Structure formats: structure tokens, C-alpha cells
Amino acid sequence: MKEINVQEAFLEAGYQISPEAVKLIVSHSLPKDLVCYILEHIDESVFVIETEHIDLSSFESEYPSSVKDDSGTISDVASKVGSDVSSQVSQNS
């Protein structure tokens, strides 16, 4: 997943994201799922997502082993964010 795709996903959801947070997401092994997780759990009072807003330990405990089922689709937990954001993330990959 490219940095610009991560930025676009957050912009479409109404958030700005710091370059450091983008790099953290892009470098993760599950960037799409992490984007979905962050959007699902972000405090609505946050306008600019920084690295301290990304709780990797909670994400990794909720998404233990790649979060993909046998068919290779994103898990139900990740899909709760909404089809628009998930579709945008998938299209930009």
C-alpha cells in the first residue's frame, strides 16, 4: 500500500494524517486492515492522526494472524468501517 493511498483513505474519512503515521501504517504487514482499524477506533475529536493515536498492540491482539479468512478477504471486524472506506483502500492498492 502506498503512502498516498493511506493519505487518501483518511482524507475521504475526514481526517488528516501525519507523515510519521503514514510511514508507520505503510510499513506494517497489514496496512489495509490497520487503516480500517484506526478509522473504526479513532476518537472523533482527533483531526490529525499522529503515531500516538495508533494503538498497534490493540490492533495486533484484535487481528492476531493476518486477519484474513481462507478466501483471502478482509475479516468481518475490518469490514465494519464501511464499504466506502474499504473500497477506496482496496482500489488504491
N, C-alpha and C. Protein backbone atom coordinates (compact mmCIF):
# COMPACT_ATOMS: atom_id res chain seq x y z
N MET A 1 0.85 -1.17 0.00
CA MET A 1 0.00 0.00 0.00
C MET A 1 0.90 1.23 0.00
N LYS A 2 0.61 2.16 -0.86
CA LYS A 2 1.43 3.36 -0.99
C LYS A 2 1.03 4.42 0.02
N GLU A 3 1.98 5.32 0.30
CA GLU A 3 1.71 6.41 1.24
C GLU A 3 0.54 7.26 0.79
N ILE A 4 0.48 7.58 -0.51
CA ILE A 4 -0.60 8.43 -1.00
C ILE A 4 -1.96 7.77 -0.82
N ASN A 5 -2.02 6.43 -0.96
CA ASN A 5 -3.28 5.71 -0.77
C ASN A 5 -3.75 5.81 0.67
N VAL A 6 -2.83 5.72 1.61
CA VAL A 6 -3.18 5.85 3.03
C VAL A 6 -3.72 7.25 3.29
N GLN A 7 -3.03 8.25 2.77
CA GLN A 7 -3.48 9.64 2.97
C GLN A 7 -4.87 9.85 2.39
N GLU A 8 -5.11 9.32 1.18
CA GLU A 8 -6.41 9.47 0.54
C GLU A 8 -7.52 8.81 1.35
N ALA A 9 -7.25 7.64 1.89
CA ALA A 9 -8.26 6.93 2.68
C ALA A 9 -8.68 7.76 3.89
N PHE A 10 -7.70 8.37 4.56
CA PHE A 10 -8.03 9.19 5.73
C PHE A 10 -8.68 10.50 5.34
N LEU A 11 -8.24 11.10 4.24
CA LEU A 11 -8.87 12.34 3.78
C LEU A 11 -10.34 12.12 3.44
N GLU A 12 -10.63 11.01 2.78
CA GLU A 12 -12.03 10.71 2.44
C GLU A 12 -12.87 10.47 3.68
N ALA A 13 -12.26 10.02 4.75
CA ALA A 13 -12.98 9.80 6.00
C ALA A 13 -13.05 11.08 6.83
N GLY A 14 -12.41 12.16 6.36
CA GLY A 14 -12.48 13.44 7.05
C GLY A 14 -11.34 13.71 8.02
N TYR A 15 -10.25 12.99 7.89
CA TYR A 15 -9.11 13.16 8.79
C TYR A 15 -7.86 13.55 8.01
N GLN A 16 -6.96 14.22 8.70
CA GLN A 16 -5.61 14.43 8.19
C GLN A 16 -4.73 13.44 8.93
N ILE A 17 -3.58 13.12 8.34
CA ILE A 17 -2.68 12.17 8.97
C ILE A 17 -1.25 12.65 8.81
N SER A 18 -0.48 12.52 9.87
CA SER A 18 0.90 12.98 9.84
C SER A 18 1.75 12.06 8.97
N PRO A 19 2.84 12.58 8.41
CA PRO A 19 3.74 11.73 7.62
C PRO A 19 4.30 10.56 8.41
N GLU A 20 4.56 10.76 9.69
CA GLU A 20 5.08 9.68 10.52
C GLU A 20 4.05 8.57 10.68
N ALA A 21 2.80 8.94 10.85
CA ALA A 21 1.74 7.94 10.99
C ALA A 21 1.55 7.18 9.68
N VAL A 22 1.66 7.87 8.56
CA VAL A 22 1.56 7.21 7.25
C VAL A 22 2.67 6.17 7.12
N LYS A 23 3.89 6.55 7.47
CA LYS A 23 5.02 5.63 7.37
C LYS A 23 4.83 4.41 8.26
N LEU A 24 4.29 4.61 9.46
CA LEU A 24 4.03 3.50 10.36
C LEU A 24 3.03 2.53 9.74
N ILE A 25 1.97 3.06 9.17
CA ILE A 25 0.94 2.22 8.56
C ILE A 25 1.48 1.48 7.34
N VAL A 26 2.17 2.20 6.46
CA VAL A 26 2.71 1.60 5.24
C VAL A 26 3.71 0.51 5.55
N SER A 27 4.48 0.67 6.62
CA SER A 27 5.49 -0.33 6.95
C SER A 27 4.92 -1.56 7.67
N HIS A 28 3.67 -1.49 8.11
CA HIS A 28 3.06 -2.63 8.80
C HIS A 28 2.73 -3.73 7.81
N SER A 29 2.70 -4.96 8.28
CA SER A 29 2.42 -6.10 7.40
C SER A 29 0.98 -6.15 6.92
N LEU A 30 0.08 -5.47 7.61
CA LEU A 30 -1.35 -5.44 7.24
C LEU A 30 -1.84 -4.00 7.12
N PRO A 31 -1.33 -3.22 6.19
CA PRO A 31 -1.69 -1.81 6.15
C PRO A 31 -3.17 -1.54 5.91
N LYS A 32 -3.83 -2.32 5.05
CA LYS A 32 -5.26 -2.10 4.78
C LYS A 32 -6.08 -2.34 6.04
N ASP A 33 -5.80 -3.44 6.71
CA ASP A 33 -6.54 -3.75 7.93
C ASP A 33 -6.26 -2.71 9.01
N LEU A 34 -5.03 -2.24 9.08
CA LEU A 34 -4.67 -1.23 10.08
C LEU A 34 -5.41 0.07 9.81
N VAL A 35 -5.52 0.47 8.54
CA VAL A 35 -6.29 1.68 8.20
C VAL A 35 -7.73 1.51 8.66
N CYS A 36 -8.33 0.38 8.35
CA CYS A 36 -9.71 0.12 8.77
C CYS A 36 -9.86 0.16 10.29
N TYR A 37 -8.91 -0.45 10.98
CA TYR A 37 -8.94 -0.48 12.44
C TYR A 37 -8.84 0.92 13.02
N ILE A 38 -7.93 1.71 12.50
CA ILE A 38 -7.75 3.08 13.01
C ILE A 38 -9.03 3.88 12.79
N LEU A 39 -9.60 3.80 11.61
CA LEU A 39 -10.82 4.56 11.33
C LEU A 39 -11.98 4.09 12.19
N GLU A 40 -12.00 2.82 12.52
CA GLU A 40 -13.06 2.29 13.37
C GLU A 40 -12.92 2.74 14.82
N HIS A 41 -11.68 2.94 15.28
CA HIS A 41 -11.42 3.21 16.69
C HIS A 41 -10.96 4.64 17.00
N ILE A 42 -10.82 5.49 16.02
CA ILE A 42 -10.29 6.83 16.27
C ILE A 42 -11.31 7.69 17.03
N ASP A 43 -10.83 8.46 17.94
CA ASP A 43 -11.66 9.40 18.68
C ASP A 43 -12.10 10.49 17.70
N GLU A 44 -13.38 10.75 17.61
CA GLU A 44 -13.90 11.72 16.65
C GLU A 44 -13.41 13.14 16.88
N SER A 45 -12.83 13.41 18.04
CA SER A 45 -12.32 14.75 18.31
C SER A 45 -10.92 14.95 17.72
N VAL A 46 -10.31 13.90 17.21
CA VAL A 46 -8.98 13.98 16.61
C VAL A 46 -9.12 14.45 15.17
N PHE A 47 -8.36 15.48 14.80
CA PHE A 47 -8.41 15.98 13.43
C PHE A 47 -7.19 15.53 12.62
N VAL A 48 -6.05 15.44 13.29
CA VAL A 48 -4.82 14.99 12.64
C VAL A 48 -4.35 13.74 13.36
N ILE A 49 -4.30 12.64 12.64
CA ILE A 49 -3.89 11.37 13.23
C ILE A 49 -2.37 11.34 13.30
N GLU A 50 -1.87 11.16 14.50
CA GLU A 50 -0.43 11.07 14.76
C GLU A 50 -0.11 9.63 15.17
N THR A 51 1.16 9.31 15.25
CA THR A 51 1.55 7.95 15.62
C THR A 51 1.01 7.55 16.99
N GLU A 52 0.90 8.51 17.91
CA GLU A 52 0.40 8.16 19.25
C GLU A 52 -1.08 7.79 19.24
N HIS A 53 -1.80 8.06 18.16
CA HIS A 53 -3.20 7.66 18.04
C HIS A 53 -3.35 6.25 17.49
N ILE A 54 -2.25 5.62 17.10
CA ILE A 54 -2.29 4.28 16.52
C ILE A 54 -1.86 3.27 17.58
N ASP A 55 -2.81 2.49 18.05
CA ASP A 55 -2.56 1.51 19.10
C ASP A 55 -2.27 0.15 18.46
N LEU A 56 -1.00 -0.07 18.10
CA LEU A 56 -0.62 -1.31 17.42
C LEU A 56 -0.85 -2.55 18.27
N SER A 57 -0.62 -2.45 19.57
CA SER A 57 -0.80 -3.64 20.42
C SER A 57 -2.26 -4.08 20.44
N SER A 58 -3.20 -3.14 20.51
CA SER A 58 -4.62 -3.50 20.47
C SER A 58 -5.00 -4.04 19.11
N PHE A 59 -4.47 -3.41 18.06
CA PHE A 59 -4.74 -3.88 16.70
C PHE A 59 -4.27 -5.32 16.53
N GLU A 60 -3.05 -5.59 16.95
CA GLU A 60 -2.49 -6.93 16.77
C GLU A 60 -3.17 -7.98 17.63
N SER A 61 -3.73 -7.57 18.77
CA SER A 61 -4.47 -8.54 19.57
C SER A 61 -5.85 -8.81 18.98
N GLU A 62 -6.42 -7.80 18.32
CA GLU A 62 -7.73 -7.97 17.69
C GLU A 62 -7.62 -8.65 16.33
N TYR A 63 -6.49 -8.48 15.68
CA TYR A 63 -6.21 -9.07 14.37
C TYR A 63 -5.00 -9.99 14.52
N PRO A 64 -5.14 -11.12 15.17
CA PRO A 64 -3.99 -11.93 15.56
C PRO A 64 -3.09 -12.43 14.44
N SER A 65 -3.61 -13.05 13.42
CA SER A 65 -2.70 -13.64 12.43
C SER A 65 -3.15 -13.32 11.02
N SER A 66 -2.90 -12.15 10.61
CA SER A 66 -3.14 -11.63 9.28
C SER A 66 -4.60 -11.32 8.99
N VAL A 67 -5.51 -11.64 9.88
CA VAL A 67 -6.90 -11.25 9.81
C VAL A 67 -7.61 -11.64 8.54
N LYS A 68 -7.06 -12.55 7.80
CA LYS A 68 -7.73 -12.95 6.56
C LYS A 68 -8.25 -14.37 6.73
N ASP A 69 -9.45 -14.58 6.20
CA ASP A 69 -10.01 -15.92 6.27
C ASP A 69 -9.48 -16.74 5.10
N ASP A 70 -9.97 -17.95 4.95
CA ASP A 70 -9.44 -18.85 3.92
C ASP A 70 -9.62 -18.33 2.51
N SER A 71 -10.63 -17.49 2.27
CA SER A 71 -10.86 -16.97 0.93
C SER A 71 -9.99 -15.76 0.64
N GLY A 72 -9.28 -15.25 1.64
CA GLY A 72 -8.38 -14.13 1.42
C GLY A 72 -9.04 -12.77 1.54
N THR A 73 -10.26 -12.70 2.06
CA THR A 73 -10.94 -11.42 2.20
C THR A 73 -10.67 -10.83 3.57
N ILE A 74 -10.85 -9.53 3.67
CA ILE A 74 -10.65 -8.86 4.96
C ILE A 74 -11.72 -9.37 5.93
N SER A 75 -11.34 -9.54 7.17
CA SER A 75 -12.25 -10.09 8.17
C SER A 75 -13.45 -9.20 8.42
N ASP A 76 -14.46 -9.76 9.06
CA ASP A 76 -15.67 -9.02 9.38
C ASP A 76 -15.39 -7.82 10.26
N VAL A 77 -14.41 -7.94 11.14
CA VAL A 77 -14.08 -6.81 12.02
C VAL A 77 -13.62 -5.62 11.19
N ALA A 78 -12.76 -5.85 10.23
CA ALA A 78 -12.25 -4.77 9.39
C ALA A 78 -13.35 -4.20 8.51
N SER A 79 -14.28 -5.01 8.08
CA SER A 79 -15.31 -4.54 7.17
C SER A 79 -16.36 -3.67 7.85
N LYS A 80 -16.37 -3.62 9.18
CA LYS A 80 -17.32 -2.80 9.91
C LYS A 80 -17.13 -1.30 9.64
N VAL A 81 -15.95 -0.91 9.20
CA VAL A 81 -15.66 0.51 8.98
C VAL A 81 -16.59 1.10 7.95
N GLY A 82 -16.98 0.32 6.98
CA GLY A 82 -17.87 0.80 5.94
C GLY A 82 -17.33 0.48 4.58
N SER A 83 -18.22 0.19 3.68
CA SER A 83 -17.79 -0.24 2.36
C SER A 83 -17.07 0.85 1.59
N ASP A 84 -17.42 2.11 1.79
CA ASP A 84 -16.77 3.18 1.05
C ASP A 84 -15.28 3.26 1.36
N VAL A 85 -14.92 3.28 2.63
CA VAL A 85 -13.51 3.38 3.00
C VAL A 85 -12.77 2.11 2.59
N SER A 86 -13.35 0.94 2.84
CA SER A 86 -12.71 -0.31 2.46
C SER A 86 -12.52 -0.40 0.96
N SER A 87 -13.52 0.03 0.21
CA SER A 87 -13.41 0.01 -1.25
C SER A 87 -12.32 0.95 -1.72
N GLN A 88 -12.24 2.13 -1.13
CA GLN A 88 -11.22 3.10 -1.53
C GLN A 88 -9.83 2.56 -1.25
N VAL A 89 -9.64 1.95 -0.09
CA VAL A 89 -8.35 1.38 0.25
C VAL A 89 -8.00 0.27 -0.72
N SER A 90 -8.96 -0.60 -1.04
CA SER A 90 -8.70 -1.71 -1.96
C SER A 90 -8.38 -1.22 -3.36
N GLN A 91 -9.11 -0.23 -3.83
CA GLN A 91 -8.90 0.28 -5.18
C GLN A 91 -7.56 0.93 -5.34
N ASN A 92 -7.05 1.55 -4.29
CA ASN A 92 -5.79 2.29 -4.37
C ASN A 92 -4.57 1.41 -4.17
N SER A 93 -4.77 0.13 -3.90
CA SER A 93 -3.64 -0.75 -3.64
C SER A 93 -2.92 -1.10 -4.92
